Structures are given as structure tokens and as C-alpha cells.
Amino acid sequence: MAIAPLDRRIDPLSAMGEWYVQVAVPTPFDKTAHNGLELYEWDDRRQRVRVTYTFNDGSPSGKQRSVGQIGRVNPRSENGTLWQVAPSLGCCYLCCWLDYVILEFDSDSHMVCCSPSTGGIAPWMYVMTRKQVVDEDVLEPLRTVAANAGWDRARMVRVPQAQPPDTSDASPLQDATRPGHV
């Protein structure tokens, strides 16, 4: 089933930064991901995006894996909601662009993106948020966006995110002893 991108204009530069993968129809490469994080960085010189996807494999403390890609807005996209990526093959990038679709986007809170079809070799879908830990009531409407686009809820899995350490009790003296603290 072909999937249509979001039908409103977005500013692609507002998508830069950290995105925590919360729900996925995973690829074979990240089906056991924990702490999934996509980092989008704008490369002004090359006019494209560097995408780095990191996750712990199999458990919250599992081996950290990293997948690099380069990306861009598809030149045919009028609204900036149809993007393309070329995954890293180790020493170089794939020589063709693979489309992906933005289904829903709020630069401050969330993005739902996916492959352009729910079928094929390796269809995928991610619900991502700016916050590492979010409640289910935040994710449910985003799952519905994906389901309304044709994604089967039974294939959607929650990607575990480790609770960040609580630093609210840290005293200024303790903070000052940490390396790199200014």
C-alpha cells in the first residue's frame, strides 16, 4: 500500500536535532533496539542531512549499534514531507536515494515517519519524540496516525527507553566535580 506524506508544509531545518524512537515497525536490523535515538544534523556545505541512528541491541545496556545515513528532502516534495536517505555501507553510501514519508510532525514534540509502502522488502515506521521518556497517552494518537496511513497496529512495537538519571538531588558541589562541568 502506497503511503501519502503529510499534506502541509514543514520547515526541514526544524527537524534537526535528537529524536527518540518510541514505537516502531522495525527493520531486520533494529528489531531488538532499546534506547533508539536518531540525530539529524544539517550539513550546510553539502546542503543535506547527516542522520545517525544509535541504539542498544537486545537490552538497555546491550552493545551500542550505530547506523549512518545521508538525507535530503526529495526535490519533488512541495511540502518538505517526502524525504530521501542513502544508508552508509561502511566505506561509502548507497548510490541511490530511498524515499521516506513524514506522516505527522511537530518540531517541538514528535515526528511519525515511514517507508513509502507498508509492504516490500523491509517496510518500517517510527514514532519519534523530542523527549526520551513519554507516557502512553502521548503515543496513542501518533500510533493512530500510523494506523490510519495503513500500518498494522499488531506490527507496532514499543521501543524501550531507559529512564534518564535523576539529577534533581545533585548539589552544585557534586556537579562541579563532574568532568567537563563549567
Protein backbone atom coordinates (compact mmCIF):
# COMPACT_ATOMS: atom_id res chain seq x y z
CA MET A 1 0.00 0.00 0.00
CA ALA A 2 1.46 3.37 -1.03
CA ILE A 3 1.52 5.99 1.71
CA ALA A 4 0.94 9.70 1.14
CA PRO A 5 3.07 12.24 3.04
CA LEU A 6 1.70 14.88 5.39
CA ASP A 7 -0.23 17.46 3.37
CA ARG A 8 1.08 20.63 4.99
CA ARG A 9 4.34 22.49 4.65
CA ILE A 10 7.11 21.92 7.19
CA ASP A 11 10.49 23.60 7.58
CA PRO A 12 13.01 20.75 7.16
CA LEU A 13 15.58 22.58 9.30
CA SER A 14 13.16 22.44 12.22
CA ALA A 15 13.55 18.64 12.12
CA MET A 16 17.22 18.83 13.07
CA GLY A 17 18.26 17.53 16.47
CA GLU A 18 17.55 14.49 18.60
CA TRP A 19 14.56 12.19 18.05
CA TYR A 20 13.88 9.30 20.43
CA VAL A 21 12.31 6.27 18.71
CA GLN A 22 9.33 5.29 20.85
CA VAL A 23 7.27 2.98 18.61
CA ALA A 24 8.45 1.11 15.54
CA VAL A 25 7.62 -1.30 12.83
CA PRO A 26 11.30 -2.19 12.89
CA THR A 27 13.64 -3.25 10.13
CA PRO A 28 15.51 -6.57 10.45
CA PHE A 29 18.49 -4.52 11.67
CA ASP A 30 16.82 -2.88 14.68
CA LYS A 31 14.11 -5.30 15.78
CA THR A 32 15.72 -5.68 19.24
CA ALA A 33 16.53 -1.99 19.71
CA HIS A 34 16.49 -0.27 23.10
CA ASN A 35 17.18 3.45 23.62
CA GLY A 36 16.72 4.23 19.91
CA LEU A 37 17.90 7.73 19.04
CA GLU A 38 18.05 9.41 15.63
CA LEU A 39 20.22 12.50 15.38
CA TYR A 40 19.56 14.80 12.41
CA GLU A 41 22.36 17.29 11.67
CA TRP A 42 22.27 19.82 8.83
CA ASP A 43 25.40 19.87 6.63
CA ASP A 44 25.30 23.41 5.26
CA ARG A 45 28.23 22.88 2.89
CA ARG A 46 26.63 19.88 1.18
CA GLN A 47 23.03 21.02 1.68
CA ARG A 48 21.91 17.72 3.16
CA VAL A 49 21.24 16.00 6.46
CA ARG A 50 23.53 13.64 8.35
CA VAL A 51 21.40 11.04 10.13
CA THR A 52 22.89 8.86 12.85
CA TYR A 53 20.70 6.19 14.40
CA THR A 54 22.07 4.68 17.61
CA PHE A 55 20.52 2.02 19.83
CA ASN A 56 21.44 -0.64 22.35
CA ASP A 57 20.98 -4.12 20.89
CA GLY A 58 18.83 -6.55 22.87
CA SER A 59 18.70 -4.74 26.21
CA PRO A 60 19.06 -1.27 27.74
CA SER A 61 22.75 -1.99 28.37
CA GLY A 62 23.35 -4.07 25.23
CA LYS A 63 26.05 -3.34 22.70
CA GLN A 64 25.55 0.08 21.14
CA ARG A 65 24.96 -0.01 17.39
CA SER A 66 25.12 2.93 15.05
CA VAL A 67 23.79 3.36 11.52
CA GLY A 68 24.80 6.39 9.45
CA GLN A 69 22.88 7.85 6.55
CA ILE A 70 22.77 10.97 4.49
CA GLY A 71 19.43 12.51 3.77
CA ARG A 72 17.64 15.26 1.93
CA VAL A 73 14.17 16.49 1.11
CA ASN A 74 13.07 14.82 -2.11
CA PRO A 75 13.40 17.51 -4.83
CA ARG A 76 9.80 16.71 -5.92
CA SER A 77 8.39 17.38 -2.44
CA GLU A 78 6.30 20.55 -2.39
CA ASN A 79 5.71 20.49 1.38
CA GLY A 80 9.06 19.15 2.63
CA THR A 81 7.36 15.97 3.87
CA LEU A 82 8.84 13.46 1.42
CA TRP A 83 12.48 12.83 2.26
CA GLN A 84 15.20 10.55 0.92
CA VAL A 85 18.10 8.74 2.56
CA ALA A 86 21.15 6.84 1.42
CA PRO A 87 22.37 4.44 4.14
CA SER A 88 26.04 4.00 4.89
CA LEU A 89 27.56 0.79 3.59
CA GLY A 90 30.65 1.16 5.77
CA CYS A 91 33.08 2.87 3.44
CA CYS A 92 30.52 4.72 1.29
CA TYR A 93 26.82 5.49 0.97
CA LEU A 94 24.25 3.62 -1.09
CA CYS A 95 24.39 5.03 -4.61
CA CYS A 96 20.65 5.68 -4.84
CA TRP A 97 18.15 7.60 -2.73
CA LEU A 98 15.44 5.72 -0.79
CA ASP A 99 12.23 7.67 -0.16
CA TYR A 100 10.63 8.06 3.21
CA VAL A 101 7.44 9.79 4.22
CA ILE A 102 6.66 12.14 7.08
CA LEU A 103 3.11 11.37 8.24
CA GLU A 104 2.90 13.77 11.19
CA PHE A 105 5.29 16.41 12.52
CA ASP A 106 5.59 18.94 15.31
CA SER A 107 9.12 20.31 15.55
CA ASP A 108 8.90 20.65 19.33
CA SER A 109 7.41 17.29 20.19
CA HIS A 110 7.03 14.47 17.64
CA MET A 111 7.50 13.00 14.19
CA VAL A 112 5.89 9.95 12.59
CA CYS A 113 7.84 8.76 9.55
CA CYS A 114 7.96 5.60 7.49
CA SER A 115 8.88 3.83 4.30
CA PRO A 116 6.64 4.82 1.37
CA SER A 117 4.83 1.45 1.50
CA THR A 118 3.67 -1.00 4.17
CA GLY A 119 4.90 -3.89 2.00
CA GLY A 120 8.09 -4.78 0.18
CA ILE A 121 11.48 -5.99 1.35
CA ALA A 122 11.88 -4.03 4.59
CA PRO A 123 8.98 -1.70 5.39
CA TRP A 124 9.47 0.38 8.53
CA MET A 125 7.72 3.03 10.61
CA TYR A 126 8.92 5.14 13.56
CA VAL A 127 7.05 7.27 16.05
CA MET A 128 9.68 9.59 17.50
CA THR A 129 9.60 12.25 20.19
CA ARG A 130 11.90 15.00 21.40
CA LYS A 131 11.65 13.68 24.98
CA GLN A 132 13.33 10.41 25.86
CA VAL A 133 10.59 9.18 28.16
CA VAL A 134 6.93 9.82 27.31
CA ASP A 135 3.61 8.49 28.53
CA GLU A 136 1.43 6.17 26.50
CA ASP A 137 -1.24 8.88 26.21
CA VAL A 138 1.25 10.90 24.12
CA LEU A 139 1.97 7.94 21.84
CA GLU A 140 -1.55 6.63 21.25
CA PRO A 141 -2.67 9.44 18.89
CA LEU A 142 0.60 9.02 16.95
CA ARG A 143 0.00 5.27 16.63
CA THR A 144 -3.43 6.17 15.26
CA VAL A 145 -1.82 8.42 12.63
CA ALA A 146 0.31 5.46 11.51
CA ALA A 147 -2.66 3.06 11.58
CA ASN A 148 -4.74 5.49 9.52
CA ALA A 149 -1.93 5.51 6.94
CA GLY A 150 -2.17 1.72 6.64
CA TRP A 151 0.24 0.39 9.28
CA ASP A 152 -0.97 -2.66 11.20
CA ARG A 153 -1.07 -1.94 14.94
CA ALA A 154 -0.11 -5.58 15.60
CA ARG A 155 3.28 -4.91 13.95
CA MET A 156 3.97 -1.79 16.04
CA VAL A 157 6.34 -2.42 18.95
CA ARG A 158 7.27 -0.14 21.82
CA VAL A 159 10.98 0.68 21.76
CA PRO A 160 12.16 0.72 25.40
CA GLN A 161 13.83 3.94 26.51
CA ALA A 162 15.90 3.93 29.72
CA GLN A 163 14.77 6.44 32.30
CA PRO A 164 17.41 9.20 32.39
CA PRO A 165 19.18 9.55 35.74
CA ASP A 166 17.53 11.91 38.23
CA THR A 167 19.93 14.78 38.84
CA SER A 168 17.48 16.94 40.78
CA ASP A 169 19.17 15.98 44.09
CA ALA A 170 22.69 16.78 42.86
CA SER A 171 24.25 19.60 44.78
CA PRO A 172 26.22 22.33 42.98
CA LEU A 173 29.38 20.92 44.58
CA GLN A 174 28.64 17.46 43.15
CA ASP A 175 28.01 18.99 39.73
CA ALA A 176 31.28 20.91 39.88
CA THR A 177 33.22 17.67 40.38
CA ARG A 178 31.95 16.11 37.19
CA PRO A 179 34.37 16.18 34.24
CA GLY A 180 33.52 18.90 31.75
CA HIS A 181 31.35 20.86 34.19
CA VAL A 182 31.82 24.59 33.86
